[in-house]
Amino acid sequence: MEAKYHPEFDESPLLLDDGTREYQRIIGTCQWLIVAGRFDLCYAVSSLSRFSSAPRQGHLQHARRIMGYLRKFPRRGFVINPDPPRFHPIYQNVEVKPPDFGNQYDYFHEDIDARFPPPLLDELDLNLFVDADHGHDLSTGRSITGTLVMVGCTPVVWRSRRQTSVQTSTFGSEFTSLKAGVEEAVTLRYHLRSLGVKVSKPTPIWVDNMAVVLNSTKPGSALNKKVIALAYHFVREHQSRSVISIRKIDTKDNYADPFTKALNNISFHAFFIHLLHN
């Protein structure tokens, strides 16, 4: 998809029945491929699928571009690899020391079911990457959340989705994305324990907004954005009990970035060359 293309502002003529059916077939096929592992299609298909009921000629042209991309790279996929991911050395010491929240979140404890089987496998490294593009949908003002979850070096969850409400600041949209990431981490930790996989370490969640990191990990930070009060405390209570570990990463290294916006060819392939094999 073109880097500056916004399908919500496409004013080309509406498609006739044959064109509409072709468009719906392409979108349906691509949605199936995303579930099957082609997460490099996530953002483009998520953006175009909103117009399946009344697509325009411009939408069909971009849908055909996706099919051309698939024709050029038909065999892309990921390898299941339990080894821990390799990060640039500058990120080796970005973990925040366990913060002392006092008794603010003493009530909170991670949900560990007594019926979990004893661990049968060694612990696997979990890493979540989250990002947001503030106000990306120009017709509604809603932001986009991008999420990529990795177990070892294997991507297991990928998502590109518009947020359910309008956030008036970049901080608000990024914090909403972080809350979604924490929910995903909690779900994955529970699921792995149910399968007999050991889970004892905090799950790193990588974000590229320093304000979000500080407000999540600094006990003395004040909540100035009442509209995200629930997300604020939900994230901080999990941080306080070392269920998660929120860490800063540059945008150029954040694997969730291509799930939130259209990138130029160089940036797009630079991200997915590390995640997908031809």
C-alpha atoms as a PDB file:
ATOM      1  CA  MET A   1       0.000   0.000   0.000  1.00  0.00           C
ATOM      2  CA  GLU A   2       1.241   3.493  -0.839  1.00  0.00           C
ATOM      3  CA  ALA A   3       2.759   5.208   2.195  1.00  0.00           C
ATOM      4  CA  LYS A   4       0.417   8.225   2.117  1.00  0.00           C
ATOM      5  CA  TYR A   5      -2.756   6.500   0.930  1.00  0.00           C
ATOM      6  CA  HIS A   6      -5.837   6.860   3.152  1.00  0.00           C
ATOM      7  CA  PRO A   7      -8.686   4.654   1.861  1.00  0.00           C
ATOM      8  CA  GLU A   8     -11.268   6.593   3.876  1.00  0.00           C
ATOM      9  CA  PHE A   9     -10.661   9.620   1.618  1.00  0.00           C
ATOM     10  CA  ASP A  10     -10.815   7.713  -1.673  1.00  0.00           C
ATOM     11  CA  GLU A  11     -13.370   9.451  -3.908  1.00  0.00           C
ATOM     12  CA  SER A  12     -13.020   7.292  -7.008  1.00  0.00           C
ATOM     13  CA  PRO A  13     -16.246   5.832  -8.501  1.00  0.00           C
ATOM     14  CA  LEU A  14     -18.005   3.003  -6.670  1.00  0.00           C
ATOM     15  CA  LEU A  15     -17.500  -0.455  -8.118  1.00  0.00           C
ATOM     16  CA  LEU A  16     -20.214  -2.360  -9.945  1.00  0.00           C
ATOM     17  CA  ASP A  17     -21.254  -5.851  -8.850  1.00  0.00           C
ATOM     18  CA  ASP A  18     -18.416  -7.695 -10.630  1.00  0.00           C
ATOM     19  CA  GLY A  19     -15.776  -5.372  -9.194  1.00  0.00           C
ATOM     20  CA  THR A  20     -17.283  -5.606  -5.715  1.00  0.00           C
ATOM     21  CA  ARG A  21     -17.195  -9.407  -5.815  1.00  0.00           C
ATOM     22  CA  GLU A  22     -13.564  -9.377  -6.985  1.00  0.00           C
ATOM     23  CA  TYR A  23     -12.655  -7.001  -4.170  1.00  0.00           C
ATOM     24  CA  GLN A  24     -14.405  -9.151  -1.574  1.00  0.00           C
ATOM     25  CA  ARG A  25     -12.661 -12.277  -2.860  1.00  0.00           C
ATOM     26  CA  ILE A  26      -9.258 -10.612  -2.578  1.00  0.00           C
ATOM     27  CA  ILE A  27      -9.923  -9.324   0.945  1.00  0.00           C
ATOM     28  CA  GLY A  28     -11.302 -12.693   2.085  1.00  0.00           C
ATOM     29  CA  THR A  29      -8.306 -14.552   0.670  1.00  0.00           C
ATOM     30  CA  CYS A  30      -5.864 -12.139   2.314  1.00  0.00           C
ATOM     31  CA  GLN A  31      -7.616 -12.418   5.681  1.00  0.00           C
ATOM     32  CA  TRP A  32      -7.209 -16.182   5.505  1.00  0.00           C
ATOM     33  CA  LEU A  33      -3.521 -15.764   4.609  1.00  0.00           C
ATOM     34  CA  ILE A  34      -2.978 -13.490   7.614  1.00  0.00           C
ATOM     35  CA  VAL A  35      -4.381 -16.162   9.921  1.00  0.00           C
ATOM     36  CA  ALA A  36      -2.121 -18.695   8.184  1.00  0.00           C
ATOM     37  CA  GLY A  37       0.986 -16.624   8.938  1.00  0.00           C
ATOM     38  CA  ARG A  38       1.352 -13.822   6.382  1.00  0.00           C
ATOM     39  CA  PHE A  39       1.308 -11.062   8.979  1.00  0.00           C
ATOM     40  CA  ASP A  40       3.105  -8.739   6.556  1.00  0.00           C
ATOM     41  CA  LEU A  41      -0.364  -8.158   5.059  1.00  0.00           C
ATOM     42  CA  CYS A  42      -1.935  -7.121   8.363  1.00  0.00           C
ATOM     43  CA  TYR A  43      -1.997  -3.355   8.034  1.00  0.00           C
ATOM     44  CA  ALA A  44      -2.982  -3.166   4.370  1.00  0.00           C
ATOM     45  CA  VAL A  45      -5.793  -5.710   4.664  1.00  0.00           C
ATOM     46  CA  SER A  46      -7.080  -4.204   7.910  1.00  0.00           C
ATOM     47  CA  SER A  47      -7.273  -0.785   6.249  1.00  0.00           C
ATOM     48  CA  LEU A  48      -9.046  -2.024   3.111  1.00  0.00           C
ATOM     49  CA  SER A  49     -11.402  -4.558   4.694  1.00  0.00           C
ATOM     50  CA  ARG A  50     -13.546  -1.756   6.164  1.00  0.00           C
ATOM     51  CA  PHE A  51     -14.843  -0.969   2.690  1.00  0.00           C
ATOM     52  CA  SER A  52     -15.886  -4.453   1.571  1.00  0.00           C
ATOM     53  CA  SER A  53     -19.581  -3.551   1.438  1.00  0.00           C
ATOM     54  CA  ALA A  54     -19.113  -0.560  -0.877  1.00  0.00           C
ATOM     55  CA  PRO A  55     -15.599  -0.527  -2.349  1.00  0.00           C
ATOM     56  CA  ARG A  56     -14.361   2.016  -4.854  1.00  0.00           C
ATOM     57  CA  GLN A  57     -12.058   1.680  -7.833  1.00  0.00           C
ATOM     58  CA  GLY A  58      -9.115   3.053  -5.838  1.00  0.00           C
ATOM     59  CA  HIS A  59      -9.687   0.405  -3.155  1.00  0.00           C
ATOM     60  CA  LEU A  60      -9.668  -2.345  -5.791  1.00  0.00           C
ATOM     61  CA  GLN A  61      -6.443  -1.024  -7.307  1.00  0.00           C
ATOM     62  CA  HIS A  62      -4.718  -1.254  -3.917  1.00  0.00           C
ATOM     63  CA  ALA A  63      -6.188  -4.694  -3.273  1.00  0.00           C
ATOM     64  CA  ARG A  64      -4.711  -5.819  -6.599  1.00  0.00           C
ATOM     65  CA  ARG A  65      -1.364  -4.387  -5.492  1.00  0.00           C
ATOM     66  CA  ILE A  66      -1.502  -6.743  -2.510  1.00  0.00           C
ATOM     67  CA  MET A  67      -2.026  -9.669  -4.868  1.00  0.00           C
ATOM     68  CA  GLY A  68       0.923  -8.467  -6.937  1.00  0.00           C
ATOM     69  CA  TYR A  69       3.040  -8.396  -3.784  1.00  0.00           C
ATOM     70  CA  LEU A  70       1.976 -11.963  -2.982  1.00  0.00           C
ATOM     71  CA  ARG A  71       2.875 -13.036  -6.510  1.00  0.00           C
ATOM     72  CA  LYS A  72       6.335 -11.552  -6.038  1.00  0.00           C
ATOM     73  CA  PHE A  73       6.817 -13.109  -2.588  1.00  0.00           C
ATOM     74  CA  PRO A  74       4.633 -16.241  -2.614  1.00  0.00           C
ATOM     75  CA  ARG A  75       6.615 -18.367  -0.167  1.00  0.00           C
ATOM     76  CA  ARG A  76       7.244 -16.012   2.717  1.00  0.00           C
ATOM     77  CA  GLY A  77       6.766 -17.582   6.131  1.00  0.00           C
ATOM     78  CA  PHE A  78       8.323 -17.816   9.565  1.00  0.00           C
ATOM     79  CA  VAL A  79      10.365 -20.571  11.174  1.00  0.00           C
ATOM     80  CA  ILE A  80       9.410 -21.923  14.603  1.00  0.00           C
ATOM     81  CA  ASN A  81      12.435 -21.190  16.749  1.00  0.00           C
ATOM     82  CA  PRO A  82      12.415 -21.376  20.581  1.00  0.00           C
ATOM     83  CA  ASP A  83      15.722 -19.528  20.930  1.00  0.00           C
ATOM     84  CA  PRO A  84      15.540 -16.076  22.556  1.00  0.00           C
ATOM     85  CA  PRO A  85      15.453 -13.164  20.096  1.00  0.00           C
ATOM     86  CA  ARG A  86      18.573 -11.121  19.492  1.00  0.00           C
ATOM     87  CA  PHE A  87      18.379  -7.458  20.373  1.00  0.00           C
ATOM     88  CA  HIS A  88      20.774  -4.679  19.550  1.00  0.00           C
ATOM     89  CA  PRO A  89      23.317  -4.245  22.404  1.00  0.00           C
ATOM     90  CA  ILE A  90      21.895  -0.794  23.218  1.00  0.00           C
ATOM     91  CA  TYR A  91      18.742  -2.513  24.548  1.00  0.00           C
ATOM     92  CA  GLN A  92      20.524  -4.880  26.912  1.00  0.00           C
ATOM     93  CA  ASN A  93      20.269  -2.493  29.862  1.00  0.00           C
ATOM     94  CA  VAL A  94      16.948  -0.763  29.253  1.00  0.00           C
ATOM     95  CA  GLU A  95      15.022  -2.810  31.816  1.00  0.00           C
ATOM     96  CA  VAL A  96      13.635  -0.621  34.565  1.00  0.00           C
ATOM     97  CA  LYS A  97      14.572  -1.699  38.080  1.00  0.00           C
ATOM     98  CA  PRO A  98      11.589  -3.163  39.958  1.00  0.00           C
ATOM     99  CA  PRO A  99       9.691  -0.048  41.078  1.00  0.00           C
ATOM    100  CA  ASP A 100       8.469   0.421  44.620  1.00  0.00           C
ATOM    101  CA  PHE A 101       4.817   1.384  44.407  1.00  0.00           C
ATOM    102  CA  GLY A 102       4.409   1.127  48.175  1.00  0.00           C
ATOM    103  CA  ASN A 103       1.009  -0.263  49.118  1.00  0.00           C
ATOM    104  CA  GLN A 104      -0.823   1.304  46.160  1.00  0.00           C
ATOM    105  CA  TYR A 105      -1.343  -2.032  44.417  1.00  0.00           C
ATOM    106  CA  ASP A 106      -1.045  -4.460  47.321  1.00  0.00           C
ATOM    107  CA  TYR A 107      -4.422  -5.914  46.433  1.00  0.00           C
ATOM    108  CA  PHE A 108      -3.221  -7.168  43.054  1.00  0.00           C
ATOM    109  CA  HIS A 109      -1.915 -10.685  42.437  1.00  0.00           C
ATOM    110  CA  GLU A 110      -1.414 -12.502  39.156  1.00  0.00           C
ATOM    111  CA  ASP A 111      -4.066 -15.100  38.411  1.00  0.00           C
ATOM    112  CA  ILE A 112      -2.362 -18.485  38.875  1.00  0.00           C
ATOM    113  CA  ASP A 113      -4.797 -21.369  38.814  1.00  0.00           C
ATOM    114  CA  ALA A 114      -4.161 -24.153  41.323  1.00  0.00           C
ATOM    115  CA  ARG A 115      -5.059 -26.631  38.588  1.00  0.00           C
ATOM    116  CA  PHE A 116      -2.125 -25.668  36.381  1.00  0.00           C
ATOM    117  CA  PRO A 117       0.021 -28.730  35.597  1.00  0.00           C
ATOM    118  CA  PRO A 118       3.579 -28.762  36.895  1.00  0.00           C
ATOM    119  CA  PRO A 119       6.000 -27.235  34.386  1.00  0.00           C
ATOM    120  CA  LEU A 120       7.159 -29.809  31.866  1.00  0.00           C
ATOM    121  CA  LEU A 121       9.201 -27.434  29.685  1.00  0.00           C
ATOM    122  CA  ASP A 122      11.898 -24.908  30.431  1.00  0.00           C
ATOM    123  CA  GLU A 123      10.934 -21.258  30.377  1.00  0.00           C
ATOM    124  CA  LEU A 124      10.621 -19.606  26.974  1.00  0.00           C
ATOM    125  CA  ASP A 125      11.368 -15.950  26.337  1.00  0.00           C
ATOM    126  CA  LEU A 126       8.241 -13.862  25.744  1.00  0.00           C
ATOM    127  CA  ASN A 127       8.413 -10.447  24.090  1.00  0.00           C
ATOM    128  CA  LEU A 128       5.599  -8.114  23.097  1.00  0.00           C
ATOM    129  CA  PHE A 129       5.963  -5.149  20.756  1.00  0.00           C
ATOM    130  CA  VAL A 130       3.202  -2.540  20.752  1.00  0.00           C
ATOM    131  CA  ASP A 131       2.786   0.704  18.851  1.00  0.00           C
ATOM    132  CA  ALA A 132       0.111   3.204  17.848  1.00  0.00           C
ATOM    133  CA  ASP A 133      -0.409   5.705  15.067  1.00  0.00           C
ATOM    134  CA  HIS A 134      -2.299   8.625  16.591  1.00  0.00           C
ATOM    135  CA  GLY A 135      -5.352   9.820  14.673  1.00  0.00           C
ATOM    136  CA  HIS A 136      -4.496   7.721  11.637  1.00  0.00           C
ATOM    137  CA  ASP A 137      -8.105   7.421  10.436  1.00  0.00           C
ATOM    138  CA  LEU A 138      -8.640  10.965   9.178  1.00  0.00           C
ATOM    139  CA  SER A 139     -12.401  10.586   8.834  1.00  0.00           C
ATOM    140  CA  THR A 140     -13.029   9.517  12.448  1.00  0.00           C
ATOM    141  CA  GLY A 141      -9.840  10.525  14.271  1.00  0.00           C
ATOM    142  CA  ARG A 142      -9.375   7.021  15.647  1.00  0.00           C
ATOM    143  CA  SER A 143      -5.859   5.703  16.147  1.00  0.00           C
ATOM    144  CA  ILE A 144      -4.462   2.324  15.111  1.00  0.00           C
ATOM    145  CA  THR A 145      -2.938  -0.221  17.478  1.00  0.00           C
ATOM    146  CA  GLY A 146      -0.251  -2.597  16.246  1.00  0.00           C
ATOM    147  CA  THR A 147       0.814  -5.665  18.226  1.00  0.00           C
ATOM    148  CA  LEU A 148       3.354  -8.410  17.656  1.00  0.00           C
ATOM    149  CA  VAL A 149       3.945 -11.160  20.235  1.00  0.00           C
ATOM    150  CA  MET A 150       6.909 -13.520  20.077  1.00  0.00           C
ATOM    151  CA  VAL A 151       7.609 -16.734  21.979  1.00  0.00           C
ATOM    152  CA  GLY A 152      11.300 -17.270  21.566  1.00  0.00           C
ATOM    153  CA  CYS A 153      11.927 -16.091  17.995  1.00  0.00           C
ATOM    154  CA  THR A 154       8.522 -17.287  16.813  1.00  0.00           C
ATOM    155  CA  PRO A 155       5.714 -14.784  16.141  1.00  0.00           C
ATOM    156  CA  VAL A 156       2.499 -16.142  17.686  1.00  0.00           C
ATOM    157  CA  VAL A 157       0.125 -13.148  17.766  1.00  0.00           C
ATOM    158  CA  TRP A 158      -0.106 -10.258  15.315  1.00  0.00           C
ATOM    159  CA  ARG A 159      -2.732  -7.568  15.100  1.00  0.00           C
ATOM    160  CA  SER A 160      -3.483  -4.284  13.337  1.00  0.00           C
ATOM    161  CA  ARG A 161      -6.707  -2.729  14.572  1.00  0.00           C
ATOM    162  CA  ARG A 162      -8.367   0.641  14.986  1.00  0.00           C
ATOM    163  CA  GLN A 163      -8.913   1.708  18.573  1.00  0.00           C
ATOM    164  CA  THR A 164     -12.507   1.755  19.769  1.00  0.00           C
ATOM    165  CA  SER A 165     -12.472   5.392  20.885  1.00  0.00           C
ATOM    166  CA  VAL A 166     -10.832   8.649  19.841  1.00  0.00           C
ATOM    167  CA  GLN A 167      -7.744   9.679  21.806  1.00  0.00           C
ATOM    168  CA  THR A 168      -6.907  13.365  21.813  1.00  0.00           C
ATOM    169  CA  SER A 169      -3.154  12.908  22.291  1.00  0.00           C
ATOM    170  CA  THR A 170      -0.330  10.673  21.143  1.00  0.00           C
ATOM    171  CA  PHE A 171       0.195   9.698  24.776  1.00  0.00           C
ATOM    172  CA  GLY A 172      -3.395   8.518  25.046  1.00  0.00           C
ATOM    173  CA  SER A 173      -3.240   6.389  21.900  1.00  0.00           C
ATOM    174  CA  GLU A 174       0.118   4.868  22.897  1.00  0.00           C
ATOM    175  CA  PHE A 175      -1.130   4.082  26.399  1.00  0.00           C
ATOM    176  CA  THR A 176      -4.269   2.467  25.000  1.00  0.00           C
ATOM    177  CA  SER A 177      -2.039   0.254  22.843  1.00  0.00           C
ATOM    178  CA  LEU A 178       0.083  -0.604  25.864  1.00  0.00           C
ATOM    179  CA  LYS A 179      -3.025  -1.672  27.795  1.00  0.00           C
ATOM    180  CA  ALA A 180      -3.946  -3.998  24.919  1.00  0.00           C
ATOM    181  CA  GLY A 181      -0.409  -5.398  25.065  1.00  0.00           C
ATOM    182  CA  VAL A 182      -0.676  -6.065  28.798  1.00  0.00           C
ATOM    183  CA  GLU A 183      -3.952  -7.918  28.243  1.00  0.00           C
ATOM    184  CA  GLU A 184      -2.253 -10.038  25.587  1.00  0.00           C
ATOM    185  CA  ALA A 185       0.670 -10.772  27.919  1.00  0.00           C
ATOM    186  CA  VAL A 186      -1.656 -11.875  30.725  1.00  0.00           C
ATOM    187  CA  THR A 187      -3.564 -14.161  28.354  1.00  0.00           C
ATOM    188  CA  LEU A 188      -0.401 -15.698  26.904  1.00  0.00           C
ATOM    189  CA  ARG A 189       1.178 -16.306  30.324  1.00  0.00           C
ATOM    190  CA  TYR A 190      -1.995 -18.081  31.470  1.00  0.00           C
ATOM    191  CA  HIS A 191      -2.129 -20.135  28.278  1.00  0.00           C
ATOM    192  CA  LEU A 192       1.505 -21.240  28.502  1.00  0.00           C
ATOM    193  CA  ARG A 193       1.108 -22.277  32.137  1.00  0.00           C
ATOM    194  CA  SER A 194      -1.956 -24.311  31.118  1.00  0.00           C
ATOM    195  CA  LEU A 195       0.260 -26.157  28.617  1.00  0.00           C
ATOM    196  CA  GLY A 196       2.892 -26.980  31.236  1.00  0.00           C
ATOM    197  CA  VAL A 197       5.398 -24.315  30.198  1.00  0.00           C
ATOM    198  CA  LYS A 198       7.275 -22.599  32.979  1.00  0.00           C
ATOM    199  CA  VAL A 199       6.530 -18.877  33.296  1.00  0.00           C
ATOM    200  CA  SER A 200       8.296 -17.043  36.099  1.00  0.00           C
ATOM    201  CA  LYS A 201       9.997 -13.957  34.625  1.00  0.00           C
ATOM    202  CA  PRO A 202       8.293 -10.649  33.862  1.00  0.00           C
ATOM    203  CA  THR A 203       7.179 -10.405  30.250  1.00  0.00           C
ATOM    204  CA  PRO A 204       8.950  -7.528  28.433  1.00  0.00           C
ATOM    205  CA  ILE A 205       6.671  -5.155  26.554  1.00  0.00           C
ATOM    206  CA  TRP A 206       8.557  -2.899  24.145  1.00  0.00           C
ATOM    207  CA  VAL A 207       7.176   0.565  23.366  1.00  0.00           C
ATOM    208  CA  ASP A 208       8.714   3.544  21.570  1.00  0.00           C
ATOM    209  CA  ASN A 209       7.180   6.353  23.635  1.00  0.00           C
ATOM    210  CA  MET A 210       9.254   7.461  26.632  1.00  0.00           C
ATOM    211  CA  ALA A 211       6.344   9.272  28.303  1.00  0.00           C
ATOM    212  CA  VAL A 212       4.403   6.017  28.363  1.00  0.00           C
ATOM    213  CA  VAL A 213       7.372   4.166  29.864  1.00  0.00           C
ATOM    214  CA  LEU A 214       7.831   6.749  32.626  1.00  0.00           C
ATOM    215  CA  ASN A 215       4.146   6.956  33.530  1.00  0.00           C
ATOM    216  CA  SER A 216       3.938   3.166  33.686  1.00  0.00           C
ATOM    217  CA  THR A 217       7.050   2.508  35.742  1.00  0.00           C
ATOM    218  CA  LYS A 218       7.634   5.612  37.873  1.00  0.00           C
ATOM    219  CA  PRO A 219       5.751   5.280  41.178  1.00  0.00           C
ATOM    220  CA  GLY A 220       5.547   9.044  41.662  1.00  0.00           C
ATOM    221  CA  SER A 221       4.034   9.854  38.263  1.00  0.00           C
ATOM    222  CA  ALA A 222       0.742  11.713  38.406  1.00  0.00           C
ATOM    223  CA  LEU A 223      -2.271  10.757  36.344  1.00  0.00           C
ATOM    224  CA  ASN A 224      -3.113  13.888  34.369  1.00  0.00           C
ATOM    225  CA  LYS A 225      -5.168  12.156  31.677  1.00  0.00           C
ATOM    226  CA  LYS A 226      -8.392  11.133  33.384  1.00  0.00           C
ATOM    227  CA  VAL A 227      -9.785   9.703  30.168  1.00  0.00           C
ATOM    228  CA  ILE A 228      -7.281   6.823  30.336  1.00  0.00           C
ATOM    229  CA  ALA A 229      -7.432   6.316  34.106  1.00  0.00           C
ATOM    230  CA  LEU A 230      -8.433   2.652  33.880  1.00  0.00           C
ATOM    231  CA  ALA A 231      -5.699   1.834  31.366  1.00  0.00           C
ATOM    232  CA  TYR A 232      -3.191   3.726  33.544  1.00  0.00           C
ATOM    233  CA  HIS A 233      -3.890   1.704  36.694  1.00  0.00           C
ATOM    234  CA  PHE A 234      -4.342  -1.583  34.833  1.00  0.00           C
ATOM    235  CA  VAL A 235      -0.848  -1.272  33.356  1.00  0.00           C
ATOM    236  CA  ARG A 236       0.795  -0.055  36.562  1.00  0.00           C
ATOM    237  CA  GLU A 237      -0.610  -2.809  38.774  1.00  0.00           C
ATOM    238  CA  HIS A 238       0.866  -5.465  36.473  1.00  0.00           C
ATOM    239  CA  GLN A 239       4.164  -3.575  36.397  1.00  0.00           C
ATOM    240  CA  SER A 240       4.179  -3.329  40.197  1.00  0.00           C
ATOM    241  CA  ARG A 241       3.971  -7.118  40.599  1.00  0.00           C
ATOM    242  CA  SER A 242       6.570  -7.871  37.891  1.00  0.00           C
ATOM    243  CA  VAL A 243       4.050  -9.573  35.636  1.00  0.00           C
ATOM    244  CA  ILE A 244       5.366  -7.344  32.864  1.00  0.00           C
ATOM    245  CA  SER A 245       8.464  -5.245  32.302  1.00  0.00           C
ATOM    246  CA  ILE A 246       7.876  -2.159  30.154  1.00  0.00           C
ATOM    247  CA  ARG A 247      10.929  -1.163  28.123  1.00  0.00           C
ATOM    248  CA  LYS A 248      11.833   1.582  25.665  1.00  0.00           C
ATOM    249  CA  ILE A 249      12.781   0.792  22.085  1.00  0.00           C
ATOM    250  CA  ASP A 250      13.384   3.055  19.094  1.00  0.00           C
ATOM    251  CA  THR A 251      10.674   3.248  16.463  1.00  0.00           C
ATOM    252  CA  LYS A 252      13.043   1.895  13.798  1.00  0.00           C
ATOM    253  CA  ASP A 253      13.508  -1.269  15.874  1.00  0.00           C
ATOM    254  CA  ASN A 254       9.911  -1.686  17.032  1.00  0.00           C
ATOM    255  CA  TYR A 255       8.488  -4.689  15.181  1.00  0.00           C
ATOM    256  CA  ALA A 256       4.944  -3.391  15.778  1.00  0.00           C
ATOM    257  CA  ASP A 257       5.544  -0.250  13.698  1.00  0.00           C
ATOM    258  CA  PRO A 258       4.568  -1.730  10.289  1.00  0.00           C
ATOM    259  CA  PHE A 259       1.271  -2.859  11.825  1.00  0.00           C
ATOM    260  CA  THR A 260       0.185   0.755  12.382  1.00  0.00           C
ATOM    261  CA  LYS A 261       0.991   2.577   9.162  1.00  0.00           C
ATOM    262  CA  ALA A 262       1.990   2.178   5.520  1.00  0.00           C
ATOM    263  CA  LEU A 263       5.764   2.356   5.111  1.00  0.00           C
ATOM    264  CA  ASN A 264       7.942   2.910   2.065  1.00  0.00           C
ATOM    265  CA  ASN A 265       9.451  -0.167   0.442  1.00  0.00           C
ATOM    266  CA  ILE A 266      12.833   0.106   2.143  1.00  0.00           C
ATOM    267  CA  SER A 267      11.418   0.487   5.663  1.00  0.00           C
ATOM    268  CA  PHE A 268       8.774  -2.196   5.099  1.00  0.00           C
ATOM    269  CA  HIS A 269      11.211  -4.853   3.915  1.00  0.00           C
ATOM    270  CA  ALA A 270      13.769  -3.857   6.568  1.00  0.00           C
ATOM    271  CA  PHE A 271      11.291  -4.866   9.283  1.00  0.00           C
ATOM    272  CA  PHE A 272      10.000  -8.099   7.786  1.00  0.00           C
ATOM    273  CA  ILE A 273      13.348  -9.425   6.562  1.00  0.00           C
ATOM    274  CA  HIS A 274      14.042 -10.319  10.219  1.00  0.00           C
ATOM    275  CA  LEU A 275      10.650 -11.937  10.809  1.00  0.00           C
ATOM    276  CA  LEU A 276       9.805 -13.721   7.558  1.00  0.00           C
ATOM    277  CA  HIS A 277      11.840 -16.040   5.350  1.00  0.00           C
ATOM    278  CA  ASN A 278      11.333 -16.244   1.595  1.00  0.00           C
END
